[in-house]
C-alpha atoms as a PDB file:
ATOM      1  CA  MET A   1      45.063  61.411  79.781  1.00  0.00           C
ATOM      2  CA  LEU A   2      43.871  64.024  82.299  1.00  0.00           C
ATOM      3  CA  PRO A   3      42.460  67.103  80.483  1.00  0.00           C
ATOM      4  CA  VAL A   4      43.340  70.414  82.076  1.00  0.00           C
ATOM      5  CA  GLY A   5      39.726  71.147  82.950  1.00  0.00           C
ATOM      6  CA  THR A   6      39.066  67.868  84.759  1.00  0.00           C
ATOM      7  CA  ILE A   7      41.192  68.156  87.876  1.00  0.00           C
ATOM      8  CA  PRO A   8      39.387  66.282  90.692  1.00  0.00           C
ATOM      9  CA  PRO A   9      36.982  68.649  92.503  1.00  0.00           C
ATOM     10  CA  SER A  10      38.496  67.941  95.921  1.00  0.00           C
ATOM     11  CA  LEU A  11      41.977  68.901  94.702  1.00  0.00           C
ATOM     12  CA  SER A  12      40.618  71.809  92.663  1.00  0.00           C
ATOM     13  CA  ALA A  13      39.001  73.304  95.763  1.00  0.00           C
ATOM     14  CA  LEU A  14      42.295  73.007  97.619  1.00  0.00           C
ATOM     15  CA  LEU A  15      44.235  74.675  94.797  1.00  0.00           C
ATOM     16  CA  ALA A  16      41.731  77.535  94.683  1.00  0.00           C
ATOM     17  CA  VAL A  17      43.202  78.762  97.985  1.00  0.00           C
ATOM     18  CA  CYS A  18      46.371  79.743  96.079  1.00  0.00           C
ATOM     19  CA  ARG A  19      44.555  81.370  93.122  1.00  0.00           C
ATOM     20  CA  SER A  20      45.415  84.947  94.154  1.00  0.00           C
ATOM     21  CA  CYS A  21      49.145  84.136  94.117  1.00  0.00           C
ATOM     22  CA  PHE A  22      49.299  83.561  90.339  1.00  0.00           C
ATOM     23  CA  THR A  23      48.257  85.001  87.023  1.00  0.00           C
ATOM     24  CA  ALA A  24      45.687  82.990  85.071  1.00  0.00           C
ATOM     25  CA  PRO A  25      48.197  81.202  82.748  1.00  0.00           C
ATOM     26  CA  THR A  26      50.653  80.538  85.587  1.00  0.00           C
ATOM     27  CA  PHE A  27      47.914  79.203  87.844  1.00  0.00           C
ATOM     28  CA  ARG A  28      46.842  76.779  85.118  1.00  0.00           C
ATOM     29  CA  THR A  29      50.392  75.433  84.830  1.00  0.00           C
ATOM     30  CA  PHE A  30      50.726  75.240  88.606  1.00  0.00           C
ATOM     31  CA  CYS A  31      47.504  73.214  88.932  1.00  0.00           C
ATOM     32  CA  VAL A  32      48.561  70.750  86.241  1.00  0.00           C
ATOM     33  CA  LEU A  33      52.011  70.221  87.766  1.00  0.00           C
ATOM     34  CA  LEU A  34      50.685  69.703  91.265  1.00  0.00           C
ATOM     35  CA  THR A  35      48.089  67.246  89.993  1.00  0.00           C
ATOM     36  CA  GLY A  36      50.846  65.396  88.160  1.00  0.00           C
ATOM     37  CA  LEU A  37      52.945  65.342  91.322  1.00  0.00           C
ATOM     38  CA  VAL A  38      50.122  63.611  93.171  1.00  0.00           C
ATOM     39  CA  ALA A  39      49.386  61.180  90.334  1.00  0.00           C
ATOM     40  CA  GLN A  40      53.010  60.336  89.500  1.00  0.00           C
ATOM     41  CA  THR A  41      54.508  57.738  91.818  1.00  0.00           C
ATOM     42  CA  ARG A  42      57.983  57.379  90.299  1.00  0.00           C
ATOM     43  CA  ARG A  43      59.657  60.310  88.529  1.00  0.00           C
ATOM     44  CA  ARG A  44      59.521  63.326  90.849  1.00  0.00           C
ATOM     45  CA  THR A  45      60.591  65.744  88.111  1.00  0.00           C
ATOM     46  CA  LEU A  46      58.802  68.324  85.983  1.00  0.00           C
ATOM     47  CA  CYS A  47      58.694  65.931  83.043  1.00  0.00           C
ATOM     48  CA  GLY A  48      57.472  63.221  85.406  1.00  0.00           C
ATOM     49  CA  MET A  49      54.624  65.518  86.491  1.00  0.00           C
ATOM     50  CA  LEU A  50      53.582  65.898  82.860  1.00  0.00           C
ATOM     51  CA  LEU A  51      53.607  62.121  82.539  1.00  0.00           C
ATOM     52  CA  GLY A  52      51.413  61.898  85.625  1.00  0.00           C
ATOM     53  CA  THR A  53      48.733  64.055  83.974  1.00  0.00           C
ATOM     54  CA  GLY A  54      49.114  62.530  80.505  1.00  0.00           C
ATOM     55  CA  LEU A  55      49.952  65.902  78.942  1.00  0.00           C
ATOM     56  CA  GLU A  56      53.516  65.081  77.846  1.00  0.00           C
ATOM     57  CA  ARG A  57      52.456  65.106  74.157  1.00  0.00           C
ATOM     58  CA  MET A  58      50.339  68.242  74.425  1.00  0.00           C
ATOM     59  CA  TRP A  59      52.582  70.520  76.496  1.00  0.00           C
ATOM     60  CA  HIS A  60      56.237  71.193  75.842  1.00  0.00           C
ATOM     61  CA  HIS A  61      58.371  70.701  78.940  1.00  0.00           C
ATOM     62  CA  THR A  62      59.711  74.273  78.696  1.00  0.00           C
ATOM     63  CA  ARG A  63      56.279  75.536  79.733  1.00  0.00           C
ATOM     64  CA  CYS A  64      56.741  73.812  83.055  1.00  0.00           C
ATOM     65  CA  HIS A  65      60.321  74.957  83.519  1.00  0.00           C
ATOM     66  CA  ARG A  66      59.304  78.580  82.888  1.00  0.00           C
ATOM     67  CA  LEU A  67      57.036  78.390  85.933  1.00  0.00           C
ATOM     68  CA  PHE A  68      60.165  78.325  88.109  1.00  0.00           C
ATOM     69  CA  SER A  69      62.581  80.328  85.954  1.00  0.00           C
ATOM     70  CA  THR A  70      60.642  83.345  84.654  1.00  0.00           C
ATOM     71  CA  ALA A  71      57.059  83.322  85.981  1.00  0.00           C
ATOM     72  CA  ARG A  72      56.268  86.080  88.487  1.00  0.00           C
ATOM     73  CA  TRP A  73      54.953  84.471  91.639  1.00  0.00           C
ATOM     74  CA  SER A  74      56.102  84.164  95.238  1.00  0.00           C
ATOM     75  CA  ALA A  75      56.598  80.875  97.053  1.00  0.00           C
ATOM     76  CA  ASP A  76      56.094  82.741 100.343  1.00  0.00           C
ATOM     77  CA  GLU A  77      52.639  83.910  99.273  1.00  0.00           C
ATOM     78  CA  VAL A  78      51.686  80.349  98.371  1.00  0.00           C
ATOM     79  CA  GLY A  79      53.055  79.091 101.697  1.00  0.00           C
ATOM     80  CA  LEU A  80      51.155  81.712 103.704  1.00  0.00           C
ATOM     81  CA  ALA A  81      47.954  80.918 101.815  1.00  0.00           C
ATOM     82  CA  LEU A  82      48.453  77.245 102.680  1.00  0.00           C
ATOM     83  CA  ALA A  83      49.201  78.188 106.296  1.00  0.00           C
ATOM     84  CA  GLY A  84      45.955  80.154 106.432  1.00  0.00           C
ATOM     85  CA  LEU A  85      44.043  77.088 105.259  1.00  0.00           C
ATOM     86  CA  VAL A  86      45.771  74.858 107.819  1.00  0.00           C
ATOM     87  CA  VAL A  87      45.057  77.257 110.677  1.00  0.00           C
ATOM     88  CA  ALA A  88      41.435  77.850 109.633  1.00  0.00           C
ATOM     89  CA  ARG A  89      40.569  74.161 109.224  1.00  0.00           C
ATOM     90  CA  LEU A  90      42.731  72.350 111.782  1.00  0.00           C
ATOM     91  CA  LEU A  91      43.251  74.728 114.721  1.00  0.00           C
ATOM     92  CA  PRO A  92      40.729  76.189 117.209  1.00  0.00           C
ATOM     93  CA  ASP A  93      40.071  79.915 117.211  1.00  0.00           C
ATOM     94  CA  ALA A  94      42.831  81.936 118.929  1.00  0.00           C
ATOM     95  CA  ALA A  95      44.862  78.768 119.586  1.00  0.00           C
ATOM     96  CA  PRO A  96      48.656  79.252 119.489  1.00  0.00           C
ATOM     97  CA  LEU A  97      50.626  77.969 116.520  1.00  0.00           C
ATOM     98  CA  GLN A  98      53.179  75.236 117.122  1.00  0.00           C
ATOM     99  CA  VAL A  99      55.894  75.673 114.486  1.00  0.00           C
ATOM    100  CA  ALA A 100      58.630  73.089 113.907  1.00  0.00           C
ATOM    101  CA  VAL A 101      61.827  74.039 112.048  1.00  0.00           C
ATOM    102  CA  ASP A 102      64.399  71.657 110.643  1.00  0.00           C
ATOM    103  CA  ASP A 103      66.517  71.125 107.544  1.00  0.00           C
ATOM    104  CA  THR A 104      66.607  68.337 104.996  1.00  0.00           C
ATOM    105  CA  LEU A 105      68.979  67.407 102.184  1.00  0.00           C
ATOM    106  CA  PHE A 106      67.600  67.001  98.676  1.00  0.00           C
ATOM    107  CA  LYS A 107      70.177  64.946  96.818  1.00  0.00           C
ATOM    108  CA  ARG A 108      71.247  66.282  93.423  1.00  0.00           C
ATOM    109  CA  SER A 109      73.967  65.520  90.878  1.00  0.00           C
ATOM    110  CA  GLY A 110      75.818  67.608  88.328  1.00  0.00           C
ATOM    111  CA  ARG A 111      78.265  70.496  88.320  1.00  0.00           C
ATOM    112  CA  LYS A 112      75.779  73.276  87.558  1.00  0.00           C
ATOM    113  CA  VAL A 113      73.110  72.668  90.184  1.00  0.00           C
ATOM    114  CA  PHE A 114      72.532  75.983  91.962  1.00  0.00           C
ATOM    115  CA  GLY A 115      73.268  75.935  95.688  1.00  0.00           C
ATOM    116  CA  ALA A 116      74.319  72.288  95.750  1.00  0.00           C
ATOM    117  CA  ALA A 117      77.258  71.177  97.902  1.00  0.00           C
ATOM    118  CA  TRP A 118      78.506  68.341 100.070  1.00  0.00           C
ATOM    119  CA  GLN A 119      76.584  68.658 103.326  1.00  0.00           C
ATOM    120  CA  HIS A 120      75.632  66.756 106.446  1.00  0.00           C
ATOM    121  CA  HIS A 121      72.928  64.188 105.781  1.00  0.00           C
ATOM    122  CA  GLY A 122      71.424  62.755 108.961  1.00  0.00           C
ATOM    123  CA  ALA A 123      69.501  60.037 107.120  1.00  0.00           C
ATOM    124  CA  ALA A 124      72.523  58.794 105.157  1.00  0.00           C
ATOM    125  CA  LYS A 125      73.361  55.111 105.380  1.00  0.00           C
ATOM    126  CA  GLY A 126      76.891  54.042 106.139  1.00  0.00           C
ATOM    127  CA  PRO A 127      79.708  55.500 108.234  1.00  0.00           C
ATOM    128  CA  ARG A 128      79.791  58.835 106.383  1.00  0.00           C
ATOM    129  CA  PRO A 129      76.715  60.997 107.157  1.00  0.00           C
ATOM    130  CA  ALA A 130      77.145  63.290 104.143  1.00  0.00           C
ATOM    131  CA  GLY A 131      75.493  63.816 100.792  1.00  0.00           C
ATOM    132  CA  PHE A 132      75.627  66.122  97.774  1.00  0.00           C
ATOM    133  CA  GLY A 133      72.617  68.298  97.032  1.00  0.00           C
ATOM    134  CA  ASN A 134      70.482  71.222  98.175  1.00  0.00           C
ATOM    135  CA  CYS A 135      69.804  71.806 101.856  1.00  0.00           C
ATOM    136  CA  TRP A 136      66.353  73.225 102.613  1.00  0.00           C
ATOM    137  CA  VAL A 137      65.318  74.758 105.925  1.00  0.00           C
ATOM    138  CA  ILE A 138      61.641  73.912 106.445  1.00  0.00           C
ATOM    139  CA  ALA A 139      59.021  75.493 108.708  1.00  0.00           C
ATOM    140  CA  GLY A 140      55.862  73.509 109.373  1.00  0.00           C
ATOM    141  CA  ILE A 141      52.751  73.867 111.529  1.00  0.00           C
ATOM    142  CA  VAL A 142      52.075  71.034 113.971  1.00  0.00           C
ATOM    143  CA  VAL A 143      48.424  69.947 114.060  1.00  0.00           C
ATOM    144  CA  THR A 144      46.315  66.999 115.164  1.00  0.00           C
ATOM    145  CA  VAL A 145      43.974  65.261 112.759  1.00  0.00           C
ATOM    146  CA  PRO A 146      41.078  62.988 113.722  1.00  0.00           C
ATOM    147  CA  PHE A 147      42.320  59.928 111.850  1.00  0.00           C
ATOM    148  CA  LEU A 148      45.723  59.773 113.596  1.00  0.00           C
ATOM    149  CA  THR A 149      46.674  59.302 117.233  1.00  0.00           C
ATOM    150  CA  ARG A 150      49.803  61.443 116.933  1.00  0.00           C
ATOM    151  CA  PRO A 151      50.299  65.037 115.748  1.00  0.00           C
ATOM    152  CA  VAL A 152      51.674  65.750 112.294  1.00  0.00           C
ATOM    153  CA  CYS A 153      53.778  68.613 110.932  1.00  0.00           C
ATOM    154  CA  LEU A 154      52.524  70.224 107.709  1.00  0.00           C
ATOM    155  CA  PRO A 155      55.332  72.117 105.879  1.00  0.00           C
ATOM    156  CA  VAL A 156      54.306  75.595 104.712  1.00  0.00           C
ATOM    157  CA  LEU A 157      57.526  77.588 104.149  1.00  0.00           C
ATOM    158  CA  ALA A 158      61.043  76.736 102.978  1.00  0.00           C
ATOM    159  CA  ARG A 159      64.387  78.463 102.425  1.00  0.00           C
ATOM    160  CA  LEU A 160      67.402  77.221 100.473  1.00  0.00           C
ATOM    161  CA  TRP A 161      70.489  77.212 102.663  1.00  0.00           C
ATOM    162  CA  ARG A 162      73.796  77.799 100.916  1.00  0.00           C
ATOM    163  CA  PRO A 163      77.178  77.294 102.610  1.00  0.00           C
ATOM    164  CA  LYS A 164      78.941  80.560 103.500  1.00  0.00           C
ATOM    165  CA  HIS A 165      75.710  82.508 103.141  1.00  0.00           C
ATOM    166  CA  THR A 166      72.814  83.256 105.525  1.00  0.00           C
ATOM    167  CA  GLY A 167      72.817  80.789 108.419  1.00  0.00           C
ATOM    168  CA  LYS A 168      70.114  78.229 109.082  1.00  0.00           C
ATOM    169  CA  ILE A 169      69.047  79.911 112.331  1.00  0.00           C
ATOM    170  CA  ALA A 170      68.528  83.223 110.540  1.00  0.00           C
ATOM    171  CA  LEU A 171      66.463  81.509 107.837  1.00  0.00           C
ATOM    172  CA  ALA A 172      64.326  79.744 110.446  1.00  0.00           C
ATOM    173  CA  ARG A 173      63.763  83.030 112.268  1.00  0.00           C
ATOM    174  CA  GLU A 174      62.824  84.772 109.018  1.00  0.00           C
ATOM    175  CA  MET A 175      60.124  82.212 108.254  1.00  0.00           C
ATOM    176  CA  THR A 176      58.808  82.225 111.826  1.00  0.00           C
ATOM    177  CA  GLU A 177      58.519  86.013 111.838  1.00  0.00           C
ATOM    178  CA  LEU A 178      56.759  85.824 108.477  1.00  0.00           C
ATOM    179  CA  LEU A 179      54.155  83.528 110.032  1.00  0.00           C
ATOM    180  CA  ALA A 180      53.872  85.789 113.076  1.00  0.00           C
ATOM    181  CA  ALA A 181      53.170  88.806 110.855  1.00  0.00           C
ATOM    182  CA  HIS A 182      50.545  86.817 108.949  1.00  0.00           C
ATOM    183  CA  PHE A 183      48.824  85.740 112.190  1.00  0.00           C
ATOM    184  CA  PRO A 184      49.237  88.796 114.448  1.00  0.00           C
ATOM    185  CA  ASP A 185      46.532  87.636 116.876  1.00  0.00           C
ATOM    186  CA  ARG A 186      48.199  84.301 117.688  1.00  0.00           C
ATOM    187  CA  THR A 187      51.214  83.262 119.721  1.00  0.00           C
ATOM    188  CA  LEU A 188      53.833  81.141 117.945  1.00  0.00           C
ATOM    189  CA  HIS A 189      55.713  78.386 119.801  1.00  0.00           C
ATOM    190  CA  THR A 190      58.685  77.458 117.619  1.00  0.00           C
ATOM    191  CA  VAL A 191      60.608  74.225 118.243  1.00  0.00           C
ATOM    192  CA  GLY A 192      63.935  73.144 116.762  1.00  0.00           C
ATOM    193  CA  ASP A 193      66.898  70.933 117.591  1.00  0.00           C
ATOM    194  CA  ALA A 194      70.245  72.100 118.979  1.00  0.00           C
ATOM    195  CA  SER A 195      71.254  73.512 115.577  1.00  0.00           C
ATOM    196  CA  TYR A 196      68.538  76.158 115.828  1.00  0.00           C
ATOM    197  CA  VAL A 197      69.522  78.225 118.825  1.00  0.00           C
ATOM    198  CA  GLY A 198      72.108  81.003 119.125  1.00  0.00           C
ATOM    199  CA  GLU A 199      72.791  84.708 118.909  1.00  0.00           C
ATOM    200  CA  HIS A 200      70.814  85.047 115.654  1.00  0.00           C
ATOM    201  CA  LEU A 201      67.664  84.897 117.799  1.00  0.00           C
ATOM    202  CA  ARG A 202      68.422  88.080 119.725  1.00  0.00           C
ATOM    203  CA  GLY A 203      65.613  90.616 119.690  1.00  0.00           C
ATOM    204  CA  LEU A 204      62.990  88.028 118.765  1.00  0.00           C
ATOM    205  CA  ASN A 205      59.390  89.237 118.597  1.00  0.00           C
ATOM    206  CA  PRO A 206      57.672  88.743 121.997  1.00  0.00           C
ATOM    207  CA  GLN A 207      54.848  87.069 120.067  1.00  0.00           C
ATOM    208  CA  ILE A 208      57.254  84.155 119.436  1.00  0.00           C
ATOM    209  CA  THR A 209      58.639  81.643 121.927  1.00  0.00           C
ATOM    210  CA  TRP A 210      61.598  79.495 120.903  1.00  0.00           C
ATOM    211  CA  THR A 211      62.284  76.034 122.333  1.00  0.00           C
ATOM    212  CA  SER A 212      65.510  74.171 121.629  1.00  0.00           C
ATOM    213  CA  ARG A 213      68.233  72.181 123.342  1.00  0.00           C
ATOM    214  CA  LEU A 214      70.993  74.023 125.138  1.00  0.00           C
ATOM    215  CA  LYS A 215      74.530  73.362 124.084  1.00  0.00           C
ATOM    216  CA  VAL A 216      76.648  71.584 126.694  1.00  0.00           C
ATOM    217  CA  THR A 217      79.125  74.485 126.611  1.00  0.00           C
ATOM    218  CA  SER A 218      76.485  77.168 127.291  1.00  0.00           C
ATOM    219  CA  VAL A 219      77.253  79.408 130.262  1.00  0.00           C
ATOM    220  CA  LEU A 220      74.200  80.488 132.270  1.00  0.00           C
ATOM    221  CA  HIS A 221      73.773  83.347 134.751  1.00  0.00           C
ATOM    222  CA  GLU A 222      71.177  84.378 137.290  1.00  0.00           C
ATOM    223  CA  LEU A 223      68.872  87.291 136.488  1.00  0.00           C
ATOM    224  CA  PRO A 224      70.404  90.721 137.112  1.00  0.00           C
ATOM    225  CA  PRO A 225      69.857  92.190 140.577  1.00  0.00           C
ATOM    226  CA  PRO A 226      67.505  95.179 140.943  1.00  0.00           C
ATOM    227  CA  HIS A 227      68.988  98.599 140.344  1.00  0.00           C
ATOM    228  CA  THR A 228      70.352 100.084 143.559  1.00  0.00           C
ATOM    229  CA  GLY A 229      69.954 103.700 142.492  1.00  0.00           C
ATOM    230  CA  LYS A 230      73.678 104.369 142.820  1.00  0.00           C
ATOM    231  CA  LYS A 231      75.716 105.989 140.095  1.00  0.00           C
ATOM    232  CA  GLY A 232      77.210 103.818 137.413  1.00  0.00           C
ATOM    233  CA  ARG A 233      76.003 101.272 134.927  1.00  0.00           C
ATOM    234  CA  PRO A 234      73.589  98.720 136.443  1.00  0.00           C
ATOM    235  CA  ARG A 235      74.509  95.074 136.254  1.00  0.00           C
ATOM    236  CA  THR A 236      73.168  93.210 133.229  1.00  0.00           C
ATOM    237  CA  ARG A 237      73.534  89.694 134.675  1.00  0.00           C
ATOM    238  CA  GLY A 238      73.607  87.974 138.006  1.00  0.00           C
ATOM    239  CA  PRO A 239      76.000  85.394 139.458  1.00  0.00           C
ATOM    240  CA  ARG A 240      77.354  82.687 137.183  1.00  0.00           C
ATOM    241  CA  LEU A 241      75.432  79.415 137.293  1.00  0.00           C
ATOM    242  CA  GLY A 242      77.757  77.482 135.003  1.00  0.00           C
ATOM    243  CA  THR A 243      76.938  75.032 132.247  1.00  0.00           C
ATOM    244  CA  PRO A 244      73.643  73.086 132.003  1.00  0.00           C
ATOM    245  CA  THR A 245      75.387  70.187 133.742  1.00  0.00           C
ATOM    246  CA  ASP A 246      76.333  72.444 136.666  1.00  0.00           C
ATOM    247  CA  LEU A 247      72.819  73.893 136.851  1.00  0.00           C
ATOM    248  CA  SER A 248      71.184  70.455 136.828  1.00  0.00           C
ATOM    249  CA  GLN A 249      72.842  69.636 140.150  1.00  0.00           C
ATOM    250  CA  GLN A 250      71.241  72.687 141.789  1.00  0.00           C
ATOM    251  CA  LEU A 251      67.617  72.129 140.738  1.00  0.00           C
ATOM    252  CA  ASP A 252      64.728  70.265 142.316  1.00  0.00           C
ATOM    253  CA  TRP A 253      63.541  67.622 139.866  1.00  0.00           C
ATOM    254  CA  HIS A 254      60.022  66.173 139.816  1.00  0.00           C
ATOM    255  CA  ARG A 255      58.652  63.138 138.064  1.00  0.00           C
ATOM    256  CA  THR A 256      55.963  63.582 135.399  1.00  0.00           C
ATOM    257  CA  LYS A 257      54.492  61.768 132.419  1.00  0.00           C
ATOM    258  CA  VAL A 258      54.823  63.081 128.862  1.00  0.00           C
ATOM    259  CA  ARG A 259      53.559  61.775 125.553  1.00  0.00           C
ATOM    260  CA  ARG A 260      56.259  61.435 122.898  1.00  0.00           C
ATOM    261  CA  TYR A 261      56.802  59.265 119.824  1.00  0.00           C
ATOM    262  CA  GLY A 262      53.302  57.842 120.226  1.00  0.00           C
ATOM    263  CA  ARG A 263      53.864  56.552 123.750  1.00  0.00           C
ATOM    264  CA  VAL A 264      53.657  57.814 127.331  1.00  0.00           C
ATOM    265  CA  ASP A 265      56.990  57.997 129.180  1.00  0.00           C
ATOM    266  CA  THR A 266      57.931  59.001 132.714  1.00  0.00           C
ATOM    267  CA  VAL A 267      60.597  61.707 132.827  1.00  0.00           C
ATOM    268  CA  PHE A 268      62.127  64.131 135.304  1.00  0.00           C
ATOM    269  CA  LEU A 269      61.554  67.846 134.771  1.00  0.00           C
ATOM    270  CA  ALA A 270      62.896  71.024 136.355  1.00  0.00           C
ATOM    271  CA  GLU A 271      62.658  74.670 135.357  1.00  0.00           C
ATOM    272  CA  HIS A 272      64.773  77.681 136.232  1.00  0.00           C
ATOM    273  CA  THR A 273      64.532  81.154 134.688  1.00  0.00           C
ATOM    274  CA  CYS A 274      67.958  82.636 134.020  1.00  0.00           C
ATOM    275  CA  LEU A 275      70.107  84.296 131.375  1.00  0.00           C
ATOM    276  CA  TRP A 276      72.083  82.764 128.538  1.00  0.00           C
ATOM    277  CA  TYR A 277      74.073  85.944 128.210  1.00  0.00           C
ATOM    278  CA  GLY A 278      76.424  84.795 125.460  1.00  0.00           C
ATOM    279  CA  SER A 279      73.539  84.249 123.039  1.00  0.00           C
ATOM    280  CA  PHE A 280      70.510  86.232 124.227  1.00  0.00           C
ATOM    281  CA  HIS A 281      72.074  88.884 126.492  1.00  0.00           C
ATOM    282  CA  THR A 282      69.325  90.174 128.822  1.00  0.00           C
ATOM    283  CA  ARG A 283      66.422  88.101 127.463  1.00  0.00           C
ATOM    284  CA  GLU A 284      65.277  85.476 129.950  1.00  0.00           C
ATOM    285  CA  VAL A 285      65.465  81.781 129.138  1.00  0.00           C
ATOM    286  CA  SER A 286      64.050  78.761 130.969  1.00  0.00           C
ATOM    287  CA  PRO A 287      66.299  75.673 130.639  1.00  0.00           C
END
């Protein structure tokens, strides 16, 4: 059995970063549960965490459930404290933050699971890529560590996405802006797949850049011409460039080498600053 006061010193020092986010009794419960999560290799449940620490006969399971149902603490504060540790230990001073956003399905069962629904599941096996459970939008900081040859993404913030409620793009933006406010002296480069780009990103903080894949149906325009000084409303966009496929035929491509998926590949790159007026209006984009 693992007594409450004998959490390994290395883990205890890590947990101390989150001490200000909890009251004393809540922090004690939090430390025990997280230690049990690390020690338990099978049951990833609250009762399984108690089994991992050997406290299942000393603590009633309701004590653990109350941590999530009634205890007064903020998951965002814990996430920002963890982000501060990641940035302080694994990133150079004044280096920009690379933030990756994506969503994942946590499978659940039962009729009374809050926020659960049938949703797309990219990792599902079989012809039907769907699963029942909670969908979480995750924001993580990409860092390099000395014992790996590839970068890793360390999750720091999460939001539960519910169908017919706030969209995934809005949730990803909310977490990114939360990180930007917490690190006002750093630039944030956010990266997501094609699901994380659209009109919900209008008016984004200039401190944040957003990289994603254009939709094949996107309509691009040249930058607006300079104001002529004549009466009337100035133009907000230039000539129509067409879809990304149309634009690709007008660009000068050059060969370069990039490192991806742990290997070096030769690709063709081209850049053109224009407007994606349907989503970002007058904010410039570089497809």
